[in-house]
N, C-alpha and C. Protein backbone atom coordinates (compact mmCIF):
# COMPACT_ATOMS: atom_id res chain seq x y z
N MET A 1 1.45 -33.18 -19.24
CA MET A 1 1.88 -32.65 -21.29
C MET A 1 0.34 -31.59 -21.26
N THR A 2 0.33 -30.85 -21.79
CA THR A 2 -0.39 -30.23 -22.03
C THR A 2 -1.52 -30.37 -23.09
N GLY A 3 -2.66 -29.97 -23.57
CA GLY A 3 -2.59 -30.43 -25.20
C GLY A 3 -4.39 -29.44 -24.96
N SER A 4 -5.05 -29.39 -26.27
CA SER A 4 -6.20 -28.80 -26.45
C SER A 4 -7.25 -29.91 -27.74
N ARG A 5 -7.93 -30.16 -26.36
CA ARG A 5 -8.84 -30.88 -27.51
C ARG A 5 -10.06 -29.77 -27.74
N THR A 6 -10.62 -31.00 -29.44
CA THR A 6 -11.41 -29.60 -30.26
C THR A 6 -12.45 -30.75 -30.79
N LYS A 7 -14.34 -30.22 -30.25
CA LYS A 7 -14.76 -30.68 -30.98
C LYS A 7 -14.84 -30.59 -31.85
N GLU A 8 -15.05 -31.55 -32.95
CA GLU A 8 -16.00 -31.62 -33.93
C GLU A 8 -17.35 -31.41 -34.54
N ILE A 9 -17.60 -30.27 -35.00
CA ILE A 9 -19.41 -30.19 -34.70
C ILE A 9 -19.44 -30.40 -36.05
N ARG A 10 -20.92 -31.35 -35.17
CA ARG A 10 -21.08 -32.34 -36.32
C ARG A 10 -22.94 -31.08 -37.24
N LEU A 11 -22.96 -30.71 -38.04
CA LEU A 11 -24.52 -30.59 -38.19
C LEU A 11 -25.43 -31.36 -38.40
N THR A 12 -26.40 -31.04 -38.47
CA THR A 12 -27.42 -32.43 -38.42
C THR A 12 -28.62 -31.77 -39.62
N GLU A 13 -29.03 -32.52 -40.37
CA GLU A 13 -29.83 -32.34 -41.25
C GLU A 13 -31.50 -32.07 -40.88
N GLY A 14 -32.07 -31.02 -41.61
CA GLY A 14 -33.22 -30.17 -41.21
C GLY A 14 -34.20 -29.41 -41.65
N ILE A 15 -34.78 -28.54 -41.26
CA ILE A 15 -35.53 -27.93 -42.07
C ILE A 15 -35.54 -26.24 -41.64
N GLN A 16 -34.17 -26.20 -40.14
CA GLN A 16 -35.14 -24.84 -39.47
C GLN A 16 -33.12 -24.46 -39.93
N PRO A 17 -33.02 -23.18 -40.40
CA PRO A 17 -32.39 -22.66 -40.11
C PRO A 17 -30.56 -23.09 -39.04
N GLY A 18 -29.69 -23.22 -39.76
CA GLY A 18 -28.55 -23.66 -39.14
C GLY A 18 -28.91 -25.01 -39.32
N ASN A 19 -29.54 -26.19 -39.88
CA ASN A 19 -29.28 -26.65 -40.35
C ASN A 19 -29.17 -27.10 -42.03
N LEU A 20 -28.57 -28.17 -41.94
CA LEU A 20 -28.50 -28.83 -43.45
C LEU A 20 -29.55 -29.26 -44.22
N ALA A 21 -29.62 -28.87 -44.97
CA ALA A 21 -30.80 -28.67 -46.32
C ALA A 21 -30.81 -30.01 -46.08
N PRO A 22 -32.01 -30.56 -46.15
CA PRO A 22 -32.19 -32.04 -46.95
C PRO A 22 -31.67 -31.89 -48.07
N GLU A 23 -30.99 -32.97 -48.46
CA GLU A 23 -30.50 -33.33 -50.19
C GLU A 23 -31.92 -33.69 -51.02
N ILE A 24 -31.42 -32.91 -52.19
CA ILE A 24 -32.13 -32.92 -53.21
C ILE A 24 -31.54 -33.86 -54.57
N GLN A 25 -32.31 -35.11 -54.82
CA GLN A 25 -31.05 -36.11 -55.24
C GLN A 25 -31.93 -36.24 -56.65
N TRP A 26 -32.26 -35.62 -57.76
CA TRP A 26 -33.57 -35.01 -58.48
C TRP A 26 -33.11 -34.36 -59.59
N GLN A 27 -33.31 -34.16 -60.72
CA GLN A 27 -33.23 -34.01 -62.15
C GLN A 27 -31.69 -32.51 -61.53
N ASP A 28 -31.60 -33.22 -61.72
CA ASP A 28 -29.80 -31.88 -61.49
C ASP A 28 -30.04 -30.94 -60.36
N ILE A 29 -30.45 -31.35 -59.66
CA ILE A 29 -31.01 -29.91 -58.54
C ILE A 29 -29.56 -30.14 -57.58
N ASP A 30 -28.84 -29.34 -57.10
CA ASP A 30 -27.79 -29.14 -56.43
C ASP A 30 -28.19 -27.54 -55.39
N LEU A 31 -28.21 -28.29 -54.66
CA LEU A 31 -28.35 -26.95 -53.57
C LEU A 31 -27.15 -26.42 -52.86
N LYS A 32 -25.79 -26.96 -53.23
CA LYS A 32 -25.17 -26.74 -52.60
C LYS A 32 -24.11 -25.81 -54.06
N GLY A 33 -22.84 -25.43 -53.85
CA GLY A 33 -22.60 -24.53 -55.65
C GLY A 33 -21.73 -23.33 -54.92
N LYS A 34 -21.63 -22.42 -55.80
CA LYS A 34 -21.08 -20.72 -56.08
C LYS A 34 -22.30 -19.92 -55.34
N LYS A 35 -23.89 -20.35 -55.30
CA LYS A 35 -24.50 -19.33 -54.81
C LYS A 35 -25.17 -19.53 -54.14
N PHE A 36 -26.38 -19.17 -53.52
CA PHE A 36 -26.86 -18.84 -52.57
C PHE A 36 -28.51 -19.64 -53.43
N VAL A 37 -29.11 -20.38 -53.00
CA VAL A 37 -30.45 -20.78 -53.42
C VAL A 37 -31.85 -20.45 -52.59
N LEU A 38 -32.64 -20.25 -53.26
CA LEU A 38 -34.02 -19.98 -52.70
C LEU A 38 -33.86 -21.19 -52.66
N LEU A 39 -35.47 -22.41 -51.91
CA LEU A 39 -35.56 -23.15 -52.69
C LEU A 39 -37.29 -22.81 -51.59
N GLN A 40 -37.87 -23.03 -53.23
CA GLN A 40 -38.83 -22.25 -53.02
C GLN A 40 -40.38 -23.12 -53.32
N PHE A 41 -41.00 -23.85 -52.32
CA PHE A 41 -42.63 -24.54 -53.22
C PHE A 41 -43.50 -24.61 -52.86
N TRP A 42 -44.66 -24.94 -53.82
CA TRP A 42 -45.61 -24.36 -54.37
C TRP A 42 -46.45 -25.30 -55.24
N ALA A 43 -47.52 -25.55 -55.83
CA ALA A 43 -48.72 -25.78 -56.86
C ALA A 43 -49.69 -25.40 -56.71
N ALA A 44 -50.29 -25.63 -57.62
CA ALA A 44 -51.82 -24.94 -58.44
C ALA A 44 -52.38 -25.02 -57.57
N TYR A 45 -52.98 -26.25 -57.05
CA TYR A 45 -54.50 -25.73 -56.17
C TYR A 45 -53.91 -25.25 -54.93
N ASP A 46 -52.46 -24.67 -55.08
CA ASP A 46 -52.72 -23.81 -53.59
C ASP A 46 -52.02 -22.13 -53.74
N ALA A 47 -52.96 -21.20 -54.60
CA ALA A 47 -53.19 -19.77 -54.38
C ALA A 47 -51.53 -19.27 -53.76
N GLN A 48 -52.36 -19.49 -53.29
CA GLN A 48 -50.89 -18.74 -51.64
C GLN A 48 -49.89 -19.01 -52.43
N SER A 49 -49.50 -20.07 -52.29
CA SER A 49 -47.92 -20.94 -52.84
C SER A 49 -47.61 -19.91 -54.23
N ARG A 50 -48.86 -19.97 -54.81
CA ARG A 50 -48.39 -19.92 -56.39
C ARG A 50 -48.12 -18.55 -56.83
N MET A 51 -49.48 -17.32 -55.38
CA MET A 51 -48.26 -16.22 -56.12
C MET A 51 -47.56 -15.58 -55.22
N VAL A 52 -46.82 -16.13 -54.58
CA VAL A 52 -46.01 -15.99 -53.57
C VAL A 52 -44.26 -16.51 -54.40
N ASN A 53 -44.60 -17.92 -55.13
CA ASN A 53 -43.64 -18.32 -56.62
C ASN A 53 -43.58 -16.96 -57.25
N VAL A 54 -44.56 -16.54 -57.69
CA VAL A 54 -44.43 -15.68 -58.71
C VAL A 54 -43.73 -14.09 -58.62
N GLN A 55 -44.12 -14.14 -56.75
CA GLN A 55 -43.44 -12.70 -56.77
C GLN A 55 -42.33 -12.96 -56.11
N MET A 56 -41.94 -14.07 -55.92
CA MET A 56 -40.79 -14.26 -55.74
C MET A 56 -39.04 -13.98 -56.78
N TYR A 57 -40.22 -14.66 -58.11
CA TYR A 57 -39.35 -14.97 -58.75
C TYR A 57 -38.90 -13.64 -59.36
N ASN A 58 -40.32 -12.30 -59.69
CA ASN A 58 -39.98 -11.57 -60.16
C ASN A 58 -39.07 -10.88 -59.07
N ALA A 59 -38.73 -10.96 -57.78
CA ALA A 59 -37.69 -10.25 -56.85
C ALA A 59 -36.87 -10.73 -57.18
N ILE A 60 -36.28 -11.79 -57.11
CA ILE A 60 -34.91 -12.08 -57.86
C ILE A 60 -34.66 -11.96 -59.01
N SER A 61 -35.53 -12.09 -59.72
CA SER A 61 -34.92 -12.13 -62.04
C SER A 61 -34.68 -10.11 -61.61
N GLN A 62 -35.73 -9.45 -60.90
CA GLN A 62 -34.63 -7.35 -60.92
C GLN A 62 -33.63 -7.12 -60.25
N SER A 63 -32.96 -8.51 -58.88
CA SER A 63 -32.22 -7.74 -58.21
C SER A 63 -30.83 -7.99 -58.64
N LYS A 64 -30.20 -6.85 -58.38
CA LYS A 64 -28.70 -6.67 -59.73
C LYS A 64 -27.95 -7.50 -59.02
N THR A 65 -27.82 -8.60 -58.53
CA THR A 65 -26.76 -10.22 -58.27
C THR A 65 -27.71 -10.99 -58.99
N LYS A 66 -26.46 -12.04 -58.67
CA LYS A 66 -26.27 -12.83 -59.50
C LYS A 66 -25.65 -13.97 -58.17
N ASP A 67 -26.16 -14.00 -57.14
CA ASP A 67 -25.27 -14.41 -56.38
C ASP A 67 -26.35 -15.36 -55.56
N VAL A 68 -28.01 -15.33 -55.95
CA VAL A 68 -29.12 -16.08 -55.53
C VAL A 68 -29.30 -16.84 -56.60
N ARG A 69 -30.04 -18.26 -56.32
CA ARG A 69 -30.14 -19.22 -57.64
C ARG A 69 -31.64 -19.30 -57.20
N LEU A 70 -32.85 -19.06 -57.74
CA LEU A 70 -34.01 -19.94 -57.72
C LEU A 70 -34.58 -21.21 -57.50
N ILE A 71 -35.00 -22.31 -56.67
CA ILE A 71 -35.13 -23.38 -56.81
C ILE A 71 -36.48 -23.26 -57.09
N SER A 72 -37.68 -23.45 -57.82
CA SER A 72 -39.00 -23.30 -57.84
C SER A 72 -39.25 -24.48 -57.98
N ILE A 73 -40.02 -25.07 -56.50
CA ILE A 73 -40.56 -26.93 -57.08
C ILE A 73 -42.22 -26.90 -57.19
N SER A 74 -42.73 -26.96 -57.86
CA SER A 74 -43.55 -27.63 -57.81
C SER A 74 -44.22 -29.15 -57.57
N LEU A 75 -45.85 -29.03 -56.92
CA LEU A 75 -45.72 -30.60 -56.27
C LEU A 75 -47.36 -31.35 -56.99
N ASP A 76 -47.49 -30.06 -58.44
CA ASP A 76 -48.67 -30.33 -59.25
C ASP A 76 -48.34 -31.84 -58.94
N GLU A 77 -49.22 -32.94 -59.34
CA GLU A 77 -49.51 -34.61 -60.71
C GLU A 77 -49.18 -34.20 -61.30
N SER A 78 -49.69 -33.08 -62.02
CA SER A 78 -50.32 -32.88 -63.93
C SER A 78 -48.94 -31.59 -64.58
N LYS A 79 -48.53 -33.00 -65.17
CA LYS A 79 -47.72 -31.95 -66.44
C LYS A 79 -48.86 -31.28 -66.99
N ALA A 80 -49.52 -31.50 -68.06
CA ALA A 80 -49.94 -29.84 -68.84
C ALA A 80 -51.03 -29.20 -67.07
N VAL A 81 -50.90 -29.10 -66.39
CA VAL A 81 -51.13 -27.81 -65.46
C VAL A 81 -50.36 -27.02 -64.49
N PHE A 82 -48.85 -28.54 -64.92
CA PHE A 82 -47.24 -27.35 -64.30
C PHE A 82 -46.98 -26.41 -65.28
N GLU A 83 -46.63 -26.89 -66.33
CA GLU A 83 -46.55 -26.28 -67.89
C GLU A 83 -47.33 -24.75 -67.70
N GLY A 84 -48.87 -25.03 -68.29
CA GLY A 84 -49.80 -23.92 -68.31
C GLY A 84 -49.33 -23.27 -67.20
N ILE A 85 -48.99 -22.95 -65.66
CA ILE A 85 -48.94 -21.89 -65.24
C ILE A 85 -47.30 -21.73 -65.12
N VAL A 86 -46.68 -22.19 -65.59
CA VAL A 86 -45.65 -22.10 -66.07
C VAL A 86 -45.26 -20.85 -66.99
N LYS A 87 -46.03 -20.80 -67.62
CA LYS A 87 -46.95 -20.25 -69.30
C LYS A 87 -47.47 -19.18 -68.51
N ALA A 88 -48.39 -20.09 -68.38
CA ALA A 88 -49.17 -17.70 -67.76
C ALA A 88 -48.63 -17.18 -66.78
N ASP A 89 -47.78 -17.90 -65.96
CA ASP A 89 -47.35 -17.17 -64.98
C ASP A 89 -46.07 -16.42 -65.39
N HIS A 90 -45.47 -15.98 -66.66
CA HIS A 90 -44.05 -15.92 -67.46
C HIS A 90 -43.23 -15.93 -66.64
N LEU A 91 -42.90 -17.68 -65.90
CA LEU A 91 -42.07 -18.37 -65.31
C LEU A 91 -41.09 -18.44 -66.17
N ASP A 92 -39.10 -18.44 -65.75
CA ASP A 92 -38.17 -19.72 -65.90
C ASP A 92 -38.73 -19.81 -65.95
N PRO A 93 -38.80 -21.42 -67.31
CA PRO A 93 -39.09 -22.90 -67.08
C PRO A 93 -37.11 -22.60 -66.59
N ALA A 94 -36.06 -22.89 -66.70
CA ALA A 94 -34.87 -23.21 -65.69
C ALA A 94 -35.10 -22.26 -64.41
N THR A 95 -35.88 -22.31 -63.96
CA THR A 95 -35.99 -22.16 -62.78
C THR A 95 -36.91 -22.78 -62.11
N GLN A 96 -37.92 -23.44 -62.58
CA GLN A 96 -39.00 -24.07 -61.97
C GLN A 96 -38.91 -25.37 -62.87
N PHE A 97 -39.50 -26.44 -61.29
CA PHE A 97 -38.97 -28.05 -61.80
C PHE A 97 -40.93 -28.68 -60.66
N ASN A 98 -41.03 -29.39 -61.57
CA ASN A 98 -41.67 -30.35 -61.14
C ASN A 98 -41.68 -32.00 -61.04
N ASP A 99 -42.31 -32.16 -59.49
CA ASP A 99 -42.26 -33.00 -58.81
C ASP A 99 -43.38 -33.99 -59.04
N PHE A 100 -43.82 -34.99 -60.07
CA PHE A 100 -45.21 -35.18 -60.18
C PHE A 100 -45.61 -35.72 -59.09
N ARG A 101 -44.51 -36.67 -58.92
CA ARG A 101 -45.68 -37.63 -57.00
C ARG A 101 -46.27 -36.92 -56.64
N GLY A 102 -45.90 -35.24 -55.90
CA GLY A 102 -46.31 -34.41 -55.23
C GLY A 102 -47.24 -34.78 -53.95
N LYS A 103 -48.32 -34.69 -53.24
CA LYS A 103 -48.03 -35.98 -51.60
C LYS A 103 -47.12 -36.36 -51.71
N ASN A 104 -46.96 -37.32 -52.32
CA ASN A 104 -45.74 -38.79 -51.75
C ASN A 104 -44.38 -39.13 -52.74
N SER A 105 -44.38 -37.65 -52.63
CA SER A 105 -43.21 -37.29 -52.98
C SER A 105 -41.63 -37.33 -52.04
N LYS A 106 -40.62 -37.97 -51.95
CA LYS A 106 -39.72 -37.28 -50.42
C LYS A 106 -39.38 -36.08 -50.00
N ILE A 107 -39.06 -35.74 -51.78
CA ILE A 107 -38.70 -33.95 -51.56
C ILE A 107 -40.01 -33.51 -49.74
N PHE A 108 -41.68 -33.65 -50.69
CA PHE A 108 -42.93 -33.54 -49.69
C PHE A 108 -42.23 -33.56 -48.35
N ASN A 109 -41.87 -35.22 -48.20
CA ASN A 109 -41.82 -35.78 -46.48
C ASN A 109 -40.31 -35.03 -46.36
N ASP A 110 -39.29 -34.68 -46.66
CA ASP A 110 -38.08 -33.93 -46.05
C ASP A 110 -38.61 -33.05 -45.88
N TYR A 111 -39.43 -32.15 -46.70
CA TYR A 111 -39.13 -31.29 -46.44
C TYR A 111 -40.19 -30.26 -45.46
N HIS A 112 -41.16 -31.53 -44.74
CA HIS A 112 -42.64 -31.57 -44.17
C HIS A 112 -44.08 -30.59 -44.85
N LEU A 113 -43.75 -30.67 -45.90
CA LEU A 113 -44.54 -29.53 -46.86
C LEU A 113 -45.98 -29.92 -46.38
N ASP A 114 -46.57 -30.59 -46.10
CA ASP A 114 -47.86 -30.95 -45.01
C ASP A 114 -48.47 -29.69 -44.17
N SER A 115 -47.53 -29.11 -43.42
CA SER A 115 -48.16 -28.03 -43.04
C SER A 115 -47.95 -27.15 -44.08
N GLY A 116 -47.39 -27.06 -44.87
CA GLY A 116 -47.53 -25.78 -45.80
C GLY A 116 -46.66 -25.91 -46.28
N PHE A 117 -46.43 -24.96 -47.68
CA PHE A 117 -45.38 -24.72 -49.11
C PHE A 117 -44.83 -23.74 -48.59
N THR A 118 -43.77 -23.42 -48.07
CA THR A 118 -42.62 -22.39 -47.61
C THR A 118 -41.44 -22.31 -48.70
N ASN A 119 -40.66 -21.47 -48.72
CA ASN A 119 -39.40 -21.72 -48.78
C ASN A 119 -38.19 -21.21 -47.97
N TRP A 120 -36.61 -21.66 -48.54
CA TRP A 120 -35.46 -21.87 -47.46
C TRP A 120 -34.60 -21.30 -48.11
N LEU A 121 -33.74 -20.02 -47.91
CA LEU A 121 -32.29 -19.80 -47.98
C LEU A 121 -31.57 -20.52 -47.93
N ILE A 122 -30.91 -20.83 -48.96
CA ILE A 122 -29.40 -22.25 -48.54
C ILE A 122 -28.25 -21.46 -48.90
N ASN A 123 -27.36 -21.24 -48.39
CA ASN A 123 -25.78 -21.16 -48.32
C ASN A 123 -25.51 -21.76 -48.94
N GLN A 124 -23.98 -21.80 -49.80
CA GLN A 124 -23.13 -22.57 -50.54
C GLN A 124 -22.64 -23.50 -50.03
N ASP A 125 -22.44 -23.75 -48.54
CA ASP A 125 -21.97 -25.36 -48.36
C ASP A 125 -23.65 -26.29 -48.32
N GLY A 126 -24.60 -25.57 -48.12
CA GLY A 126 -26.12 -26.63 -47.30
C GLY A 126 -26.40 -26.11 -46.66
N ILE A 127 -26.29 -24.60 -45.89
CA ILE A 127 -27.39 -24.90 -44.55
C ILE A 127 -28.70 -23.71 -44.55
N ILE A 128 -29.11 -24.23 -44.52
CA ILE A 128 -30.12 -23.13 -43.72
C ILE A 128 -29.86 -22.08 -43.29
N VAL A 129 -29.83 -20.46 -44.39
CA VAL A 129 -29.83 -19.33 -43.48
C VAL A 129 -30.73 -18.61 -42.50
N ALA A 130 -32.17 -18.58 -44.01
CA ALA A 130 -33.51 -18.61 -43.30
C ALA A 130 -34.97 -19.36 -43.93
N LYS A 131 -35.49 -19.36 -43.43
CA LYS A 131 -36.93 -19.97 -43.35
C LYS A 131 -37.99 -18.62 -44.07
N ASN A 132 -38.99 -18.76 -44.20
CA ASN A 132 -40.27 -18.19 -44.90
C ASN A 132 -40.40 -16.89 -45.55
N VAL A 133 -38.51 -17.35 -46.42
CA VAL A 133 -38.07 -15.68 -46.57
C VAL A 133 -39.81 -14.67 -47.29
N LYS A 134 -40.04 -14.05 -47.40
CA LYS A 134 -40.74 -12.58 -48.27
C LYS A 134 -40.54 -12.33 -49.14
N PRO A 135 -41.02 -12.81 -50.13
CA PRO A 135 -41.01 -11.11 -51.87
C PRO A 135 -40.07 -10.02 -51.36
N LYS A 136 -40.15 -9.33 -50.16
CA LYS A 136 -40.02 -8.35 -50.17
C LYS A 136 -38.76 -8.20 -49.47
N GLU A 137 -38.86 -9.28 -48.48
CA GLU A 137 -37.46 -9.25 -47.44
C GLU A 137 -36.41 -9.68 -48.97
N ILE A 138 -37.13 -10.21 -49.60
CA ILE A 138 -35.64 -11.02 -50.51
C ILE A 138 -34.26 -10.20 -51.02
N SER A 139 -34.74 -8.80 -50.89
CA SER A 139 -33.00 -8.37 -51.53
C SER A 139 -32.98 -7.40 -50.11
N SER A 140 -33.28 -7.41 -49.27
CA SER A 140 -32.13 -7.29 -48.04
C SER A 140 -31.54 -8.41 -47.67
N TYR A 141 -31.97 -9.81 -48.05
CA TYR A 141 -31.33 -10.80 -47.50
C TYR A 141 -29.62 -10.76 -48.80
N ILE A 142 -30.82 -10.54 -49.73
CA ILE A 142 -29.73 -10.48 -50.57
C ILE A 142 -28.44 -9.21 -50.37
N GLU A 143 -27.93 -8.07 -49.94
CA GLU A 143 -27.36 -6.86 -49.40
C GLU A 143 -26.65 -7.38 -48.40
N LEU A 144 -27.21 -8.53 -47.83
CA LEU A 144 -26.53 -9.13 -46.73
C LEU A 144 -26.07 -10.30 -47.00
N ILE A 145 -26.10 -11.03 -47.93
CA ILE A 145 -25.20 -11.88 -48.70
C ILE A 145 -24.43 -11.68 -49.35
N ILE A 146 -24.57 -10.41 -50.00
CA ILE A 146 -23.17 -10.57 -50.97
C ILE A 146 -22.22 -8.73 -50.24
N SER A 147 -22.95 -8.23 -49.28
CA SER A 147 -22.03 -7.04 -48.37
C SER A 147 -20.77 -7.96 -47.77
């Protein structure tokens, strides 16, 4: 008797391309769905991450596709600082979230942000397809996604 055996492929949760992105169960953030998600982390005290956040927001906002949703999470512990930066940087509050627990948050630990703020491009199934996407590269990723 011959038979075929198939192996079930199980994805592991992690922060590298090919891994399932760690779930974020907070503020109705869903990393799975109809769109790709660019998950961006930043804080007011980190000038580089703040600058990249603004550039990424502008790059995605100016793109012709609606297939990428920006979810940008600040780890500032002050609500006033967070809200002031969102306003000063002319960001859409619908794309900006704040985890006031900062470095003590589960998100900070799950995404190993002690190594620095970065971003992840996540597909509809919650799988990381790219890490550390630069604002000038996002349009190329978007073109690949919609083609």
